[in-house]
Every structure is written in structure tokens, then in C-alpha cells.
Amino acid sequence: MKEYYSHETAIIDEGCEIGKGTKIWHFSHIMPNCKLGENCNIGQNVVISPEVVLGKNVKVQNNVSIYTGVTCDDDVFLGPSMVFTNVINPRSAVNRRGQYSKTHVGRGASIGANATIVCGHDIGEYAFIGAGAVVTKTIPSYALVVGNPSRQIGWMSEYGHKLVFDQEGFATCPESGEKYQLKSGTVSKIN
């Protein structure tokens, strides 16, 4: 007996591992040998290509395409109609299936609606990619990026609030009260 839910219109190919409590909604296609962790939510009209790996509690909104070569850690949010690529120089007449570039999305990262992640560029933990951004380089943990091409405009807390650092390089999340330090261009949470 399966321990996940899939709508009757969803297609799940052979060899997939789907975690307990995961929900797969209308007209979505999970292609061969994917691994989806526990408690994921796969919205309608989502395509997850062969061998994609999603961690636990990954939220995939409607109309998202996740191509081979992508891995997402736990608690990642993929906004409506965002897309990953997996070939840097696609041509219809040239088969490049063995040349897929990899992209890794770190724990807790959020990618906004209609954003595009150009393959081969990782997204750091808790990074926040604004709606419509086009990511053309690796994004550090906790970074806030927007635009086309994307550019960093600040730092975000794990709760999704913009961090305002004082002169000593310390900031506090207004929702959680958690403290962060900015040092040498890197943000870390202070325990």
C-alpha cells in the first residue's frame, strides 16, 4: 500500500521512490527513477524529469519544470512556473543527453514565481530568489537576489525576512529573534 497521495491524472513512472505523506496533484508527471522525500507537495502540471532528487518537505508549485541534474535539499520552495535548465547550449538537432549540468538547491531556499535557474549554478541554503529572476551564477547561502540577470540586493533570515546588519555585522530576524553575523561576505546564524 502506498503511503503518499497521487491524483488520478498524475503519472508516476517506474523506479520512483516517493516518501510518506507526499502529495502529487493534477496532471503532474514524475519520470523514472526520481526520489521524492517525505511530506513533499507537488502542484498541478509539474514535470519532474528522470533521476531528480527532492528532499523532505519540498513545496513545488503549479507549472514547474525540474530537469535531470537537479537536486533539492529539505524544505525548499519552488514558486509557480519557475524552471530549471540542464543544458547550457541546447540545439534541437544536437543530442546532448549525456552533457547535463548539475544544479543543487540548498536547504530552506526559496525560488520565486517565473524565475529561471540556468544550469550549473547552485543555490545556497536559505537563499531567496525573487520572482522573475534569471540566475546565471552560484548564489551564496542567505542571499537575496532579484532581476535579469540576477543580482544580490541583500540577505535573508531563515524565516524569509530581509536582514539589516549593524556596523559590527550583526542582525536579528524580526520574526524568530534568531541572530546572524555577516563576516567577510558570508552570513551565518549564531546559535
N, C-alpha and C. Protein backbone atom coordinates (compact mmCIF):
# COMPACT_ATOMS: atom_id res chain seq x y z
N MET A 1 0.84 -1.20 0.00
CA MET A 1 0.00 0.00 0.00
C MET A 1 0.88 1.25 0.00
N LYS A 2 0.58 2.17 -0.91
CA LYS A 2 1.38 3.39 -0.99
C LYS A 2 1.06 4.32 0.19
N GLU A 3 2.09 5.04 0.62
CA GLU A 3 1.94 5.94 1.77
C GLU A 3 1.96 7.40 1.34
N TYR A 4 1.68 7.65 0.08
CA TYR A 4 1.58 9.01 -0.45
C TYR A 4 0.30 9.13 -1.24
N TYR A 5 -0.09 10.36 -1.59
CA TYR A 5 -1.29 10.59 -2.38
C TYR A 5 -0.89 11.03 -3.78
N SER A 6 -1.55 10.47 -4.79
CA SER A 6 -1.39 10.97 -6.16
C SER A 6 -2.76 11.07 -6.79
N HIS A 7 -3.04 12.20 -7.41
CA HIS A 7 -4.31 12.41 -8.10
C HIS A 7 -4.40 11.42 -9.26
N GLU A 8 -5.59 11.04 -9.62
CA GLU A 8 -5.78 10.03 -10.68
C GLU A 8 -5.22 10.46 -12.03
N THR A 9 -5.04 11.77 -12.25
CA THR A 9 -4.49 12.23 -13.53
C THR A 9 -2.96 12.32 -13.51
N ALA A 10 -2.34 12.14 -12.35
CA ALA A 10 -0.88 12.19 -12.25
C ALA A 10 -0.28 10.91 -12.83
N ILE A 11 0.90 11.04 -13.41
CA ILE A 11 1.63 9.89 -13.96
C ILE A 11 2.91 9.73 -13.17
N ILE A 12 3.12 8.53 -12.64
CA ILE A 12 4.34 8.22 -11.89
C ILE A 12 4.99 7.02 -12.57
N ASP A 13 6.16 7.24 -13.15
CA ASP A 13 6.84 6.20 -13.89
C ASP A 13 7.55 5.22 -12.95
N GLU A 14 8.02 4.12 -13.54
CA GLU A 14 8.68 3.07 -12.76
C GLU A 14 9.98 3.55 -12.14
N GLY A 15 10.30 2.94 -11.00
CA GLY A 15 11.57 3.18 -10.34
C GLY A 15 11.60 4.39 -9.44
N CYS A 16 10.46 5.05 -9.24
CA CYS A 16 10.42 6.23 -8.39
C CYS A 16 10.29 5.83 -6.92
N GLU A 17 10.94 6.60 -6.06
CA GLU A 17 10.78 6.46 -4.62
C GLU A 17 10.08 7.71 -4.13
N ILE A 18 8.91 7.53 -3.52
CA ILE A 18 8.11 8.67 -3.07
C ILE A 18 7.84 8.52 -1.59
N GLY A 19 8.24 9.54 -0.82
CA GLY A 19 8.17 9.48 0.63
C GLY A 19 6.76 9.56 1.18
N LYS A 20 6.62 9.06 2.39
CA LYS A 20 5.36 9.05 3.12
C LYS A 20 4.82 10.47 3.26
N GLY A 21 3.52 10.62 3.02
CA GLY A 21 2.86 11.89 3.21
C GLY A 21 2.98 12.86 2.04
N THR A 22 3.71 12.49 1.00
CA THR A 22 3.85 13.35 -0.17
C THR A 22 2.54 13.38 -0.95
N LYS A 23 2.23 14.54 -1.55
CA LYS A 23 1.02 14.70 -2.36
C LYS A 23 1.44 15.14 -3.76
N ILE A 24 0.87 14.46 -4.77
CA ILE A 24 1.15 14.77 -6.17
C ILE A 24 -0.19 15.09 -6.83
N TRP A 25 -0.32 16.30 -7.34
CA TRP A 25 -1.62 16.80 -7.80
C TRP A 25 -1.82 16.64 -9.31
N HIS A 26 -2.91 17.20 -9.81
CA HIS A 26 -3.43 17.03 -11.17
C HIS A 26 -2.38 17.20 -12.27
N PHE A 27 -2.40 16.28 -13.21
CA PHE A 27 -1.65 16.37 -14.47
C PHE A 27 -0.13 16.49 -14.30
N SER A 28 0.39 16.05 -13.17
CA SER A 28 1.83 16.08 -12.97
C SER A 28 2.45 14.76 -13.42
N HIS A 29 3.72 14.84 -13.83
CA HIS A 29 4.42 13.66 -14.34
C HIS A 29 5.74 13.51 -13.60
N ILE A 30 5.86 12.42 -12.87
CA ILE A 30 7.09 12.08 -12.17
C ILE A 30 7.76 10.99 -13.01
N MET A 31 8.88 11.33 -13.63
CA MET A 31 9.53 10.44 -14.59
C MET A 31 10.42 9.40 -13.88
N PRO A 32 10.96 8.42 -14.62
CA PRO A 32 11.64 7.28 -13.99
C PRO A 32 12.76 7.65 -13.03
N ASN A 33 12.84 6.86 -11.95
CA ASN A 33 13.96 6.88 -11.00
C ASN A 33 14.13 8.18 -10.23
N CYS A 34 13.03 8.92 -10.04
CA CYS A 34 13.08 10.11 -9.18
C CYS A 34 12.99 9.69 -7.72
N LYS A 35 13.52 10.53 -6.84
CA LYS A 35 13.40 10.31 -5.41
C LYS A 35 12.79 11.56 -4.79
N LEU A 36 11.61 11.41 -4.21
CA LEU A 36 10.91 12.50 -3.54
C LEU A 36 10.81 12.14 -2.06
N GLY A 37 11.25 13.05 -1.20
CA GLY A 37 11.24 12.80 0.23
C GLY A 37 9.85 12.84 0.83
N GLU A 38 9.78 12.66 2.13
CA GLU A 38 8.51 12.68 2.86
C GLU A 38 7.91 14.08 2.84
N ASN A 39 6.57 14.11 2.85
CA ASN A 39 5.79 15.34 3.01
C ASN A 39 6.07 16.41 1.97
N CYS A 40 6.42 16.00 0.75
CA CYS A 40 6.54 16.96 -0.35
C CYS A 40 5.14 17.28 -0.87
N ASN A 41 5.01 18.42 -1.52
CA ASN A 41 3.76 18.78 -2.19
C ASN A 41 4.09 19.17 -3.62
N ILE A 42 3.61 18.38 -4.57
CA ILE A 42 3.87 18.59 -5.98
C ILE A 42 2.59 19.13 -6.60
N GLY A 43 2.58 20.40 -6.98
CA GLY A 43 1.39 21.05 -7.52
C GLY A 43 0.96 20.48 -8.86
N GLN A 44 -0.05 21.11 -9.45
CA GLN A 44 -0.56 20.59 -10.72
C GLN A 44 0.34 21.00 -11.89
N ASN A 45 0.35 20.14 -12.92
CA ASN A 45 1.09 20.38 -14.15
C ASN A 45 2.59 20.54 -13.92
N VAL A 46 3.15 19.73 -13.03
CA VAL A 46 4.58 19.74 -12.73
C VAL A 46 5.23 18.59 -13.49
N VAL A 47 6.42 18.84 -14.04
CA VAL A 47 7.21 17.80 -14.68
C VAL A 47 8.50 17.63 -13.88
N ILE A 48 8.74 16.42 -13.40
CA ILE A 48 9.98 16.11 -12.71
C ILE A 48 10.69 15.04 -13.54
N SER A 49 11.79 15.43 -14.16
CA SER A 49 12.50 14.57 -15.11
C SER A 49 13.25 13.44 -14.42
N PRO A 50 13.71 12.44 -15.20
CA PRO A 50 14.37 11.28 -14.61
C PRO A 50 15.51 11.62 -13.67
N GLU A 51 15.56 10.88 -12.55
CA GLU A 51 16.66 10.90 -11.59
C GLU A 51 16.78 12.18 -10.77
N VAL A 52 15.76 13.04 -10.80
CA VAL A 52 15.75 14.22 -9.93
C VAL A 52 15.58 13.76 -8.49
N VAL A 53 16.24 14.45 -7.56
CA VAL A 53 16.14 14.11 -6.14
C VAL A 53 15.63 15.33 -5.38
N LEU A 54 14.53 15.15 -4.64
CA LEU A 54 13.98 16.19 -3.78
C LEU A 54 14.02 15.69 -2.34
N GLY A 55 14.43 16.54 -1.42
CA GLY A 55 14.46 16.18 -0.01
C GLY A 55 13.07 16.18 0.61
N LYS A 56 13.02 16.22 1.92
CA LYS A 56 11.75 16.23 2.65
C LYS A 56 11.12 17.62 2.62
N ASN A 57 9.79 17.64 2.62
CA ASN A 57 9.02 18.88 2.75
C ASN A 57 9.33 19.90 1.66
N VAL A 58 9.60 19.44 0.45
CA VAL A 58 9.82 20.34 -0.68
C VAL A 58 8.46 20.71 -1.25
N LYS A 59 8.23 22.01 -1.43
CA LYS A 59 6.97 22.51 -1.98
C LYS A 59 7.21 22.95 -3.42
N VAL A 60 6.55 22.27 -4.36
CA VAL A 60 6.68 22.57 -5.78
C VAL A 60 5.33 23.11 -6.25
N GLN A 61 5.28 24.37 -6.60
CA GLN A 61 4.03 24.99 -7.01
C GLN A 61 3.67 24.62 -8.46
N ASN A 62 2.51 25.06 -8.92
CA ASN A 62 1.99 24.69 -10.24
C ASN A 62 2.93 25.09 -11.38
N ASN A 63 2.93 24.27 -12.43
CA ASN A 63 3.61 24.56 -13.70
C ASN A 63 5.12 24.64 -13.60
N VAL A 64 5.73 23.89 -12.69
CA VAL A 64 7.18 23.92 -12.51
C VAL A 64 7.81 22.77 -13.31
N SER A 65 8.97 23.03 -13.90
CA SER A 65 9.75 22.01 -14.59
C SER A 65 11.07 21.82 -13.86
N ILE A 66 11.33 20.58 -13.43
CA ILE A 66 12.58 20.25 -12.74
C ILE A 66 13.28 19.20 -13.60
N TYR A 67 14.39 19.57 -14.22
CA TYR A 67 15.05 18.69 -15.18
C TYR A 67 16.16 17.86 -14.55
N THR A 68 16.50 16.78 -15.24
CA THR A 68 17.56 15.87 -14.80
C THR A 68 18.82 16.66 -14.47
N GLY A 69 19.44 16.31 -13.34
CA GLY A 69 20.63 17.01 -12.88
C GLY A 69 20.36 17.90 -11.69
N VAL A 70 19.07 18.10 -11.35
CA VAL A 70 18.69 18.96 -10.23
C VAL A 70 18.50 18.13 -8.97
N THR A 71 19.04 18.64 -7.86
CA THR A 71 18.76 18.08 -6.54
C THR A 71 18.37 19.23 -5.62
N CYS A 72 17.40 18.96 -4.75
CA CYS A 72 16.95 19.95 -3.77
C CYS A 72 16.99 19.33 -2.38
N ASP A 73 17.57 20.05 -1.43
CA ASP A 73 17.59 19.60 -0.04
C ASP A 73 16.22 19.80 0.60
N ASP A 74 16.11 19.46 1.87
CA ASP A 74 14.86 19.60 2.62
C ASP A 74 14.37 21.05 2.64
N ASP A 75 13.04 21.19 2.71
CA ASP A 75 12.37 22.48 2.95
C ASP A 75 12.57 23.52 1.84
N VAL A 76 12.83 23.10 0.63
CA VAL A 76 12.97 24.02 -0.50
C VAL A 76 11.58 24.40 -1.00
N PHE A 77 11.41 25.66 -1.41
CA PHE A 77 10.17 26.16 -2.00
C PHE A 77 10.45 26.55 -3.45
N LEU A 78 9.70 25.96 -4.39
CA LEU A 78 9.83 26.27 -5.82
C LEU A 78 8.53 26.94 -6.26
N GLY A 79 8.58 28.23 -6.55
CA GLY A 79 7.40 29.03 -6.85
C GLY A 79 6.76 28.70 -8.19
N PRO A 80 5.52 29.16 -8.39
CA PRO A 80 4.76 28.86 -9.60
C PRO A 80 5.53 29.20 -10.88
N SER A 81 5.53 28.27 -11.80
CA SER A 81 6.08 28.44 -13.15
C SER A 81 7.58 28.72 -13.20
N MET A 82 8.31 28.48 -12.09
CA MET A 82 9.78 28.61 -12.18
C MET A 82 10.32 27.41 -12.95
N VAL A 83 11.55 27.54 -13.45
CA VAL A 83 12.10 26.47 -14.26
C VAL A 83 13.61 26.35 -14.05
N PHE A 84 14.06 25.12 -14.07
CA PHE A 84 15.50 24.83 -14.10
C PHE A 84 15.85 24.46 -15.54
N THR A 85 17.09 24.72 -15.95
CA THR A 85 17.57 24.20 -17.22
C THR A 85 18.61 23.12 -16.91
N ASN A 86 19.01 22.35 -17.93
CA ASN A 86 20.06 21.36 -17.67
C ASN A 86 21.08 21.24 -18.79
N VAL A 87 20.92 22.01 -19.86
CA VAL A 87 21.91 22.05 -20.94
C VAL A 87 22.21 23.52 -21.21
N ILE A 88 23.49 23.87 -21.24
CA ILE A 88 23.88 25.28 -21.38
C ILE A 88 23.75 25.77 -22.83
N ASN A 89 23.83 24.86 -23.80
CA ASN A 89 23.78 25.27 -25.20
C ASN A 89 22.85 24.35 -26.01
N PRO A 90 21.55 24.33 -25.69
CA PRO A 90 20.64 23.40 -26.37
C PRO A 90 20.45 23.70 -27.85
N ARG A 91 20.38 22.64 -28.62
CA ARG A 91 20.04 22.69 -30.04
C ARG A 91 19.13 21.52 -30.33
N SER A 92 18.07 21.75 -31.06
CA SER A 92 17.12 20.69 -31.37
C SER A 92 17.78 19.54 -32.13
N ALA A 93 18.68 19.85 -33.04
CA ALA A 93 19.28 18.83 -33.89
C ALA A 93 20.51 18.15 -33.28
N VAL A 94 20.91 18.58 -32.07
CA VAL A 94 22.10 18.02 -31.42
C VAL A 94 21.68 17.38 -30.10
N ASN A 95 21.91 16.07 -29.99
CA ASN A 95 21.54 15.35 -28.77
C ASN A 95 22.63 15.56 -27.71
N ARG A 96 22.25 16.18 -26.59
CA ARG A 96 23.21 16.45 -25.52
C ARG A 96 22.79 15.78 -24.21
N ARG A 97 22.09 14.66 -24.31
CA ARG A 97 21.59 14.00 -23.11
C ARG A 97 22.67 13.58 -22.13
N GLY A 98 23.86 13.30 -22.60
CA GLY A 98 24.93 12.91 -21.69
C GLY A 98 25.71 14.09 -21.14
N GLN A 99 25.27 15.30 -21.46
CA GLN A 99 26.02 16.50 -21.07
C GLN A 99 25.25 17.39 -20.09
N TYR A 100 24.32 16.82 -19.33
CA TYR A 100 23.53 17.62 -18.41
C TYR A 100 24.40 18.23 -17.32
N SER A 101 24.21 19.51 -17.07
CA SER A 101 24.89 20.19 -15.97
C SER A 101 24.06 20.04 -14.71
N LYS A 102 24.73 19.94 -13.58
CA LYS A 102 24.03 19.73 -12.30
C LYS A 102 23.76 21.06 -11.61
N THR A 103 22.65 21.10 -10.88
CA THR A 103 22.27 22.25 -10.05
C THR A 103 21.79 21.72 -8.72
N HIS A 104 22.32 22.27 -7.64
CA HIS A 104 21.90 21.87 -6.29
C HIS A 104 21.27 23.06 -5.58
N VAL A 105 20.11 22.82 -4.96
CA VAL A 105 19.42 23.86 -4.18
C VAL A 105 19.52 23.47 -2.71
N GLY A 106 20.11 24.37 -1.91
CA GLY A 106 20.35 24.09 -0.51
C GLY A 106 19.10 24.17 0.36
N ARG A 107 19.19 23.59 1.52
CA ARG A 107 18.09 23.51 2.48
C ARG A 107 17.45 24.88 2.71
N GLY A 108 16.11 24.88 2.69
CA GLY A 108 15.35 26.07 3.04
C GLY A 108 15.33 27.18 2.02
N ALA A 109 15.96 27.00 0.86
CA ALA A 109 15.97 28.05 -0.16
C ALA A 109 14.58 28.22 -0.78
N SER A 110 14.28 29.45 -1.21
CA SER A 110 13.02 29.75 -1.90
C SER A 110 13.33 30.35 -3.26
N ILE A 111 12.63 29.86 -4.27
CA ILE A 111 12.78 30.37 -5.63
C ILE A 111 11.42 30.88 -6.07
N GLY A 112 11.34 32.17 -6.40
CA GLY A 112 10.07 32.82 -6.70
C GLY A 112 9.46 32.45 -8.03
N ALA A 113 8.21 32.86 -8.20
CA ALA A 113 7.43 32.59 -9.41
C ALA A 113 8.16 33.08 -10.66
N ASN A 114 8.12 32.26 -11.70
CA ASN A 114 8.67 32.59 -13.01
C ASN A 114 10.19 32.80 -13.04
N ALA A 115 10.89 32.43 -11.99
CA ALA A 115 12.35 32.52 -12.00
C ALA A 115 12.92 31.41 -12.88
N THR A 116 14.10 31.65 -13.42
CA THR A 116 14.82 30.66 -14.21
C THR A 116 16.19 30.45 -13.59
N ILE A 117 16.54 29.20 -13.38
CA ILE A 117 17.86 28.86 -12.85
C ILE A 117 18.66 28.22 -13.98
N VAL A 118 19.65 28.95 -14.50
CA VAL A 118 20.49 28.42 -15.57
C VAL A 118 21.38 27.34 -14.96
N CYS A 119 21.45 26.20 -15.63
CA CYS A 119 22.11 25.02 -15.09
C CYS A 119 23.57 25.26 -14.72
N GLY A 120 24.01 24.47 -13.73
CA GLY A 120 25.40 24.53 -13.29
C GLY A 120 25.66 25.56 -12.21
N HIS A 121 24.59 26.21 -11.72
CA HIS A 121 24.75 27.24 -10.70
C HIS A 121 23.95 26.84 -9.46
N ASP A 122 24.64 26.56 -8.38
CA ASP A 122 23.99 26.11 -7.15
C ASP A 122 23.37 27.28 -6.40
N ILE A 123 22.35 26.96 -5.61
CA ILE A 123 21.64 27.93 -4.78
C ILE A 123 21.93 27.56 -3.33
N GLY A 124 22.50 28.47 -2.56
CA GLY A 124 22.88 28.19 -1.18
C GLY A 124 21.70 28.04 -0.25
N GLU A 125 21.98 27.51 0.94
CA GLU A 125 20.95 27.33 1.96
C GLU A 125 20.25 28.65 2.28
N TYR A 126 18.93 28.60 2.37
CA TYR A 126 18.08 29.72 2.78
C TYR A 126 18.20 30.94 1.86
N ALA A 127 18.78 30.77 0.68
CA ALA A 127 18.81 31.86 -0.28
C ALA A 127 17.38 32.16 -0.72
N PHE A 128 17.16 33.36 -1.21
CA PHE A 128 15.83 33.80 -1.62
C PHE A 128 15.97 34.40 -3.02
N ILE A 129 15.39 33.71 -4.01
CA ILE A 129 15.45 34.14 -5.40
C ILE A 129 14.13 34.82 -5.73
N GLY A 130 14.16 36.11 -6.05
CA GLY A 130 12.93 36.87 -6.31
C GLY A 130 12.20 36.40 -7.55
N ALA A 131 10.91 36.72 -7.60
CA ALA A 131 10.07 36.36 -8.75
C ALA A 131 10.66 36.93 -10.03
N GLY A 132 10.71 36.10 -11.07
CA GLY A 132 11.18 36.52 -12.38
C GLY A 132 12.68 36.62 -12.53
N ALA A 133 13.43 36.34 -11.49
CA ALA A 133 14.89 36.44 -11.58
C ALA A 133 15.45 35.39 -12.53
N VAL A 134 16.56 35.72 -13.17
CA VAL A 134 17.27 34.76 -14.01
C VAL A 134 18.66 34.58 -13.40
N VAL A 135 18.86 33.40 -12.80
CA VAL A 135 20.09 33.12 -12.07
C VAL A 135 21.13 32.58 -13.04
N THR A 136 22.25 33.31 -13.15
CA THR A 136 23.32 32.94 -14.08
C THR A 136 24.65 32.70 -13.38
N LYS A 137 24.61 32.62 -12.04
CA LYS A 137 25.81 32.33 -11.27
C LYS A 137 25.41 31.67 -9.95
N THR A 138 26.37 31.08 -9.26
CA THR A 138 26.12 30.44 -7.98
C THR A 138 25.71 31.48 -6.95
N ILE A 139 24.71 31.13 -6.12
CA ILE A 139 24.14 32.06 -5.14
C ILE A 139 24.54 31.61 -3.74
N PRO A 140 25.13 32.51 -2.93
CA PRO A 140 25.54 32.11 -1.59
C PRO A 140 24.35 31.89 -0.64
N SER A 141 24.60 31.17 0.43
CA SER A 141 23.58 30.95 1.45
C SER A 141 23.09 32.29 2.00
N TYR A 142 21.79 32.36 2.24
CA TYR A 142 21.10 33.53 2.82
C TYR A 142 21.01 34.73 1.89
N ALA A 143 21.51 34.64 0.65
CA ALA A 143 21.49 35.78 -0.26
C ALA A 143 20.08 36.06 -0.77
N LEU A 144 19.78 37.33 -0.98
CA LEU A 144 18.55 37.78 -1.63
C LEU A 144 18.94 38.31 -3.01
N VAL A 145 18.42 37.67 -4.07
CA VAL A 145 18.76 38.09 -5.43
C VAL A 145 17.49 38.35 -6.24
N VAL A 146 17.58 39.35 -7.12
CA VAL A 146 16.45 39.73 -7.98
C VAL A 146 16.99 40.11 -9.36
N GLY A 147 16.10 40.17 -10.35
CA GLY A 147 16.43 40.75 -11.65
C GLY A 147 16.92 39.77 -12.70
N ASN A 148 17.18 40.35 -13.89
CA ASN A 148 17.65 39.60 -15.05
C ASN A 148 18.78 40.37 -15.71
N PRO A 149 20.03 39.88 -15.62
CA PRO A 149 20.45 38.74 -14.81
C PRO A 149 20.33 39.08 -13.32
N SER A 150 20.22 38.05 -12.50
CA SER A 150 20.01 38.30 -11.07
C SER A 150 21.22 38.98 -10.45
N ARG A 151 20.95 39.81 -9.46
CA ARG A 151 22.00 40.47 -8.69
C ARG A 151 21.59 40.45 -7.22
N GLN A 152 22.56 40.35 -6.36
CA GLN A 152 22.27 40.30 -4.94
C GLN A 152 21.98 41.70 -4.41
N ILE A 153 20.86 41.81 -3.65
CA ILE A 153 20.49 43.10 -3.07
C ILE A 153 20.42 43.05 -1.55
N GLY A 154 20.77 41.91 -0.96
CA GLY A 154 20.73 41.83 0.49
C GLY A 154 20.85 40.40 0.96
N TRP A 155 20.42 40.20 2.23
CA TRP A 155 20.50 38.91 2.89
C TRP A 155 19.16 38.62 3.54
N MET A 156 18.80 37.33 3.65
CA MET A 156 17.52 36.93 4.23
C MET A 156 17.73 36.00 5.42
N SER A 157 16.79 36.09 6.37
CA SER A 157 16.81 35.16 7.50
C SER A 157 16.18 33.83 7.09
N GLU A 158 16.31 32.83 7.94
CA GLU A 158 15.69 31.54 7.66
C GLU A 158 14.17 31.63 7.63
N TYR A 159 13.61 32.66 8.24
CA TYR A 159 12.16 32.88 8.23
C TYR A 159 11.71 33.75 7.05
N GLY A 160 12.64 34.17 6.20
CA GLY A 160 12.28 34.91 5.00
C GLY A 160 12.13 36.40 5.19
N HIS A 161 12.89 36.97 6.11
CA HIS A 161 12.87 38.42 6.32
C HIS A 161 14.23 39.00 5.93
N LYS A 162 14.19 40.19 5.32
CA LYS A 162 15.43 40.85 4.94
C LYS A 162 16.19 41.24 6.20
N LEU A 163 17.47 40.91 6.24
CA LEU A 163 18.30 41.21 7.40
C LEU A 163 18.96 42.58 7.26
N VAL A 164 18.93 43.33 8.34
CA VAL A 164 19.58 44.64 8.39
C VAL A 164 20.73 44.53 9.39
N PHE A 165 21.95 44.59 8.89
CA PHE A 165 23.12 44.41 9.74
C PHE A 165 23.60 45.74 10.32
N ASP A 166 24.01 45.70 11.60
CA ASP A 166 24.55 46.89 12.23
C ASP A 166 26.03 47.05 11.83
N GLN A 167 26.69 48.07 12.38
CA GLN A 167 28.08 48.36 11.99
C GLN A 167 29.04 47.24 12.38
N GLU A 168 28.68 46.45 13.38
CA GLU A 168 29.53 45.34 13.80
C GLU A 168 29.25 44.07 12.99
N GLY A 169 28.25 44.12 12.10
CA GLY A 169 27.95 42.97 11.25
C GLY A 169 26.97 41.98 11.85
N PHE A 170 26.09 42.45 12.76
CA PHE A 170 25.10 41.58 13.38
C PHE A 170 23.70 42.03 13.00
N ALA A 171 22.78 41.04 12.87
CA ALA A 171 21.38 41.33 12.56
C ALA A 171 20.50 40.33 13.29
N THR A 172 19.23 40.72 13.51
CA THR A 172 18.26 39.87 14.18
C THR A 172 17.03 39.73 13.30
N CYS A 173 16.55 38.50 13.13
CA CYS A 173 15.32 38.27 12.38
C CYS A 173 14.16 38.83 13.20
N PRO A 174 13.31 39.68 12.60
CA PRO A 174 12.21 40.28 13.36
C PRO A 174 11.12 39.28 13.77
N GLU A 175 11.04 38.14 13.11
CA GLU A 175 10.01 37.16 13.44
C GLU A 175 10.50 36.12 14.44
N SER A 176 11.66 35.55 14.19
CA SER A 176 12.15 34.45 15.05
C SER A 176 13.02 34.92 16.20
N GLY A 177 13.62 36.11 16.06
CA GLY A 177 14.57 36.59 17.05
C GLY A 177 15.95 35.97 16.89
N GLU A 178 16.13 35.11 15.91
CA GLU A 178 17.43 34.49 15.66
C GLU A 178 18.43 35.55 15.20
N LYS A 179 19.68 35.35 15.59
CA LYS A 179 20.73 36.32 15.29
C LYS A 179 21.65 35.78 14.19
N TYR A 180 22.14 36.73 13.37
CA TYR A 180 23.00 36.40 12.25
C TYR A 180 24.22 37.30 12.26
N GLN A 181 25.30 36.79 11.66
CA GLN A 181 26.53 37.58 11.53
C GLN A 181 26.96 37.60 10.07
N LEU A 182 27.35 38.80 9.61
CA LEU A 182 27.92 38.98 8.28
C LEU A 182 29.40 39.24 8.47
N LYS A 183 30.21 38.32 7.94
CA LYS A 183 31.66 38.43 8.09
C LYS A 183 32.33 37.98 6.82
N SER A 184 33.16 38.83 6.25
CA SER A 184 33.90 38.53 5.02
C SER A 184 32.98 38.10 3.88
N GLY A 185 31.82 38.75 3.77
CA GLY A 185 30.89 38.47 2.68
C GLY A 185 30.07 37.20 2.83
N THR A 186 30.08 36.63 4.04
CA THR A 186 29.33 35.39 4.30
C THR A 186 28.44 35.59 5.51
N VAL A 187 27.19 35.11 5.40
CA VAL A 187 26.26 35.20 6.52
C VAL A 187 26.16 33.85 7.20
N SER A 188 26.14 33.85 8.53
CA SER A 188 25.91 32.64 9.28
C SER A 188 24.99 32.95 10.45
N LYS A 189 24.22 31.94 10.86
CA LYS A 189 23.34 32.09 12.01
C LYS A 189 24.16 31.83 13.26
N ILE A 190 23.93 32.65 14.28
CA ILE A 190 24.63 32.50 15.55
C ILE A 190 23.75 31.67 16.47
N ASN A 191 24.28 30.57 16.99
CA ASN A 191 23.50 29.70 17.87
C ASN A 191 23.52 30.18 19.30
